[in-house]
Amino acid sequence: MYRYNLILIFITLIFVGSCQKSNSDKSMKTMQTVEIKVPKAKQKAKELKIHGDTRIDNYYWLREKENPEVIDYLNAENEYFFQQTAHTNDFQDQLFQEMKGRIKEDDQTVPYKSNGYFYITKYE
């Protein structure tokens, strides 16, 4: 009986070890092939006063939607995100297809009457 328990434990350890190794190998390959530059936003102090309180917002400049610096920074953040999540692209596609498959593509609301006319909303 002791021998069977020992064999079972040994097989379990081999199985768990092989699962962990394959996951770590994949993540190591991903980390080695892509050199990732983390974008850092500049800090530009802006003093904001309201209701007698003063606070400093170092990232207030990011509210300027037309500023080329802001647009460049946001593009750098987006690129960083795409690099970090590149290994999940296949999974994202599978998830999207599964969710799309569960949604009725042609749908419409129940007709309702307003001001003597019937209205309906259709999704095609």
C-alpha atoms as a PDB file:
ATOM      1  CA  MET A   1       0.000   0.000   0.000  1.00  0.00           C
ATOM      2  CA  TYR A   2       2.837   2.342   0.889  1.00  0.00           C
ATOM      3  CA  ARG A   3       4.445   1.632  -2.475  1.00  0.00           C
ATOM      4  CA  TYR A   4       1.291   2.632  -4.408  1.00  0.00           C
ATOM      5  CA  ASN A   5       0.977   5.878  -2.464  1.00  0.00           C
ATOM      6  CA  LEU A   6       4.605   6.692  -3.200  1.00  0.00           C
ATOM      7  CA  ILE A   7       4.104   6.023  -6.926  1.00  0.00           C
ATOM      8  CA  LEU A   8       0.959   8.181  -6.958  1.00  0.00           C
ATOM      9  CA  ILE A   9       2.793  11.063  -5.264  1.00  0.00           C
ATOM     10  CA  PHE A  10       5.684  10.724  -7.700  1.00  0.00           C
ATOM     11  CA  ILE A  11       3.368  10.838 -10.742  1.00  0.00           C
ATOM     12  CA  THR A  12       1.525  13.857  -9.315  1.00  0.00           C
ATOM     13  CA  LEU A  13       4.793  15.738  -8.761  1.00  0.00           C
ATOM     14  CA  ILE A  14       5.922  15.000 -12.323  1.00  0.00           C
ATOM     15  CA  PHE A  15       2.585  16.227 -13.698  1.00  0.00           C
ATOM     16  CA  VAL A  16       2.582  19.440 -11.629  1.00  0.00           C
ATOM     17  CA  GLY A  17       6.231  20.111 -12.433  1.00  0.00           C
ATOM     18  CA  SER A  18       5.692  19.704 -16.156  1.00  0.00           C
ATOM     19  CA  CYS A  19       2.695  22.072 -16.109  1.00  0.00           C
ATOM     20  CA  GLN A  20       4.592  24.770 -14.275  1.00  0.00           C
ATOM     21  CA  LYS A  21       7.643  24.401 -16.475  1.00  0.00           C
ATOM     22  CA  SER A  22       5.724  24.854 -19.724  1.00  0.00           C
ATOM     23  CA  ASN A  23       4.004  28.008 -18.477  1.00  0.00           C
ATOM     24  CA  SER A  24       7.248  29.534 -17.238  1.00  0.00           C
ATOM     25  CA  ASP A  25       9.008  28.618 -20.512  1.00  0.00           C
ATOM     26  CA  LYS A  26       6.348  30.432 -22.515  1.00  0.00           C
ATOM     27  CA  SER A  27       6.524  33.548 -20.370  1.00  0.00           C
ATOM     28  CA  MET A  28      10.334  33.533 -20.455  1.00  0.00           C
ATOM     29  CA  LYS A  29      10.346  33.276 -24.260  1.00  0.00           C
ATOM     30  CA  THR A  30       7.900  36.183 -24.472  1.00  0.00           C
ATOM     31  CA  MET A  31       9.992  38.279 -22.117  1.00  0.00           C
ATOM     32  CA  GLN A  32      13.230  37.509 -23.962  1.00  0.00           C
ATOM     33  CA  THR A  33      11.999  38.248 -27.470  1.00  0.00           C
ATOM     34  CA  VAL A  34      10.393  41.619 -26.754  1.00  0.00           C
ATOM     35  CA  GLU A  35      12.288  44.496 -25.209  1.00  0.00           C
ATOM     36  CA  ILE A  36       9.639  46.652 -23.604  1.00  0.00           C
ATOM     37  CA  LYS A  37      10.115  50.347 -22.949  1.00  0.00           C
ATOM     38  CA  VAL A  38       7.740  51.538 -20.265  1.00  0.00           C
ATOM     39  CA  PRO A  39       6.311  54.992 -21.053  1.00  0.00           C
ATOM     40  CA  LYS A  40       6.613  57.524 -18.258  1.00  0.00           C
ATOM     41  CA  ALA A  41       4.544  60.694 -18.201  1.00  0.00           C
ATOM     42  CA  LYS A  42       6.368  63.923 -17.484  1.00  0.00           C
ATOM     43  CA  GLN A  43       5.432  65.709 -14.307  1.00  0.00           C
ATOM     44  CA  LYS A  44       4.428  69.329 -14.828  1.00  0.00           C
ATOM     45  CA  ALA A  45       3.150  70.806 -11.593  1.00  0.00           C
ATOM     46  CA  LYS A  46      -0.078  72.800 -11.778  1.00  0.00           C
ATOM     47  CA  GLU A  47      -1.532  74.467  -8.724  1.00  0.00           C
ATOM     48  CA  LEU A  48      -5.308  74.164  -8.454  1.00  0.00           C
ATOM     49  CA  LYS A  49      -7.253  76.250  -5.955  1.00  0.00           C
ATOM     50  CA  ILE A  50     -10.918  75.662  -5.152  1.00  0.00           C
ATOM     51  CA  HIS A  51     -12.983  76.357  -2.039  1.00  0.00           C
ATOM     52  CA  GLY A  52      -9.939  77.593  -0.170  1.00  0.00           C
ATOM     53  CA  ASP A  53      -8.012  74.355  -0.758  1.00  0.00           C
ATOM     54  CA  THR A  54      -4.867  74.166  -2.851  1.00  0.00           C
ATOM     55  CA  ARG A  55      -3.576  71.016  -4.464  1.00  0.00           C
ATOM     56  CA  ILE A  56      -0.810  70.243  -6.917  1.00  0.00           C
ATOM     57  CA  ASP A  57      -1.643  68.076  -9.950  1.00  0.00           C
ATOM     58  CA  ASN A  58       1.510  66.885 -11.699  1.00  0.00           C
ATOM     59  CA  TYR A  59      -0.421  65.305 -14.567  1.00  0.00           C
ATOM     60  CA  TYR A  60      -2.958  68.046 -15.307  1.00  0.00           C
ATOM     61  CA  TRP A  61      -1.309  68.613 -18.672  1.00  0.00           C
ATOM     62  CA  LEU A  62      -2.637  65.244 -19.854  1.00  0.00           C
ATOM     63  CA  ARG A  63      -6.114  66.826 -20.105  1.00  0.00           C
ATOM     64  CA  GLU A  64      -5.035  68.822 -23.171  1.00  0.00           C
ATOM     65  CA  LYS A  65      -6.504  66.562 -25.871  1.00  0.00           C
ATOM     66  CA  GLU A  66      -5.050  68.481 -28.825  1.00  0.00           C
ATOM     67  CA  ASN A  67      -1.503  68.730 -27.409  1.00  0.00           C
ATOM     68  CA  PRO A  68       0.925  66.672 -29.565  1.00  0.00           C
ATOM     69  CA  GLU A  69       2.896  65.699 -26.421  1.00  0.00           C
ATOM     70  CA  VAL A  70      -0.237  64.161 -24.895  1.00  0.00           C
ATOM     71  CA  ILE A  71      -1.076  62.314 -28.104  1.00  0.00           C
ATOM     72  CA  ASP A  72       2.494  60.958 -28.356  1.00  0.00           C
ATOM     73  CA  TYR A  73       2.402  59.807 -24.737  1.00  0.00           C
ATOM     74  CA  LEU A  74      -0.961  58.060 -25.191  1.00  0.00           C
ATOM     75  CA  ASN A  75       0.296  56.359 -28.353  1.00  0.00           C
ATOM     76  CA  ALA A  76       3.362  55.159 -26.409  1.00  0.00           C
ATOM     77  CA  GLU A  77       1.087  53.782 -23.663  1.00  0.00           C
ATOM     78  CA  ASN A  78      -1.050  51.999 -26.259  1.00  0.00           C
ATOM     79  CA  GLU A  79       2.037  50.469 -27.877  1.00  0.00           C
ATOM     80  CA  TYR A  80       3.262  49.321 -24.455  1.00  0.00           C
ATOM     81  CA  PHE A  81      -0.125  47.695 -23.800  1.00  0.00           C
ATOM     82  CA  PHE A  82      -0.069  45.885 -27.152  1.00  0.00           C
ATOM     83  CA  GLN A  83       3.453  44.608 -26.499  1.00  0.00           C
ATOM     84  CA  GLN A  84       2.541  43.411 -23.008  1.00  0.00           C
ATOM     85  CA  THR A  85      -0.606  41.592 -24.157  1.00  0.00           C
ATOM     86  CA  ALA A  86       0.657  40.258 -27.494  1.00  0.00           C
ATOM     87  CA  HIS A  87       0.838  36.712 -26.128  1.00  0.00           C
ATOM     88  CA  THR A  88      -2.944  36.793 -25.469  1.00  0.00           C
ATOM     89  CA  ASN A  89      -4.032  37.766 -29.010  1.00  0.00           C
ATOM     90  CA  ASP A  90      -5.217  34.258 -29.936  1.00  0.00           C
ATOM     91  CA  PHE A  91      -7.108  33.974 -26.657  1.00  0.00           C
ATOM     92  CA  GLN A  92      -8.705  37.397 -27.179  1.00  0.00           C
ATOM     93  CA  ASP A  93      -9.882  36.347 -30.647  1.00  0.00           C
ATOM     94  CA  GLN A  94     -11.319  33.093 -29.295  1.00  0.00           C
ATOM     95  CA  LEU A  95     -13.116  34.955 -26.513  1.00  0.00           C
ATOM     96  CA  PHE A  96     -14.513  37.524 -28.946  1.00  0.00           C
ATOM     97  CA  GLN A  97     -15.799  34.815 -31.288  1.00  0.00           C
ATOM     98  CA  GLU A  98     -17.401  32.946 -28.387  1.00  0.00           C
ATOM     99  CA  MET A  99     -19.146  36.073 -27.071  1.00  0.00           C
ATOM    100  CA  LYS A 100     -20.236  37.044 -30.582  1.00  0.00           C
ATOM    101  CA  GLY A 101     -21.609  33.535 -31.104  1.00  0.00           C
ATOM    102  CA  ARG A 102     -23.828  33.889 -28.038  1.00  0.00           C
ATOM    103  CA  ILE A 103     -25.355  37.191 -29.138  1.00  0.00           C
ATOM    104  CA  LYS A 104     -28.309  37.286 -31.464  1.00  0.00           C
ATOM    105  CA  GLU A 105     -27.103  39.273 -34.474  1.00  0.00           C
ATOM    106  CA  ASP A 106     -30.534  40.306 -35.790  1.00  0.00           C
ATOM    107  CA  ASP A 107     -32.687  41.736 -33.025  1.00  0.00           C
ATOM    108  CA  GLN A 108     -35.548  44.160 -32.670  1.00  0.00           C
ATOM    109  CA  THR A 109     -37.547  45.784 -29.924  1.00  0.00           C
ATOM    110  CA  VAL A 110     -41.245  45.377 -29.321  1.00  0.00           C
ATOM    111  CA  PRO A 111     -43.211  47.993 -31.315  1.00  0.00           C
ATOM    112  CA  TYR A 112     -44.630  50.819 -29.212  1.00  0.00           C
ATOM    113  CA  LYS A 113     -47.101  53.560 -30.106  1.00  0.00           C
ATOM    114  CA  SER A 114     -46.258  57.226 -29.642  1.00  0.00           C
ATOM    115  CA  ASN A 115     -48.238  60.179 -31.076  1.00  0.00           C
ATOM    116  CA  GLY A 116     -50.307  57.860 -33.237  1.00  0.00           C
ATOM    117  CA  TYR A 117     -47.282  56.122 -34.808  1.00  0.00           C
ATOM    118  CA  PHE A 118     -45.615  52.799 -34.080  1.00  0.00           C
ATOM    119  CA  TYR A 119     -41.869  52.803 -33.427  1.00  0.00           C
ATOM    120  CA  ILE A 120     -39.426  49.928 -33.463  1.00  0.00           C
ATOM    121  CA  THR A 121     -35.655  49.598 -33.159  1.00  0.00           C
ATOM    122  CA  LYS A 122     -33.849  46.985 -35.250  1.00  0.00           C
ATOM    123  CA  TYR A 123     -30.269  45.725 -34.995  1.00  0.00           C
ATOM    124  CA  GLU A 124     -28.897  43.986 -38.085  1.00  0.00           C
END
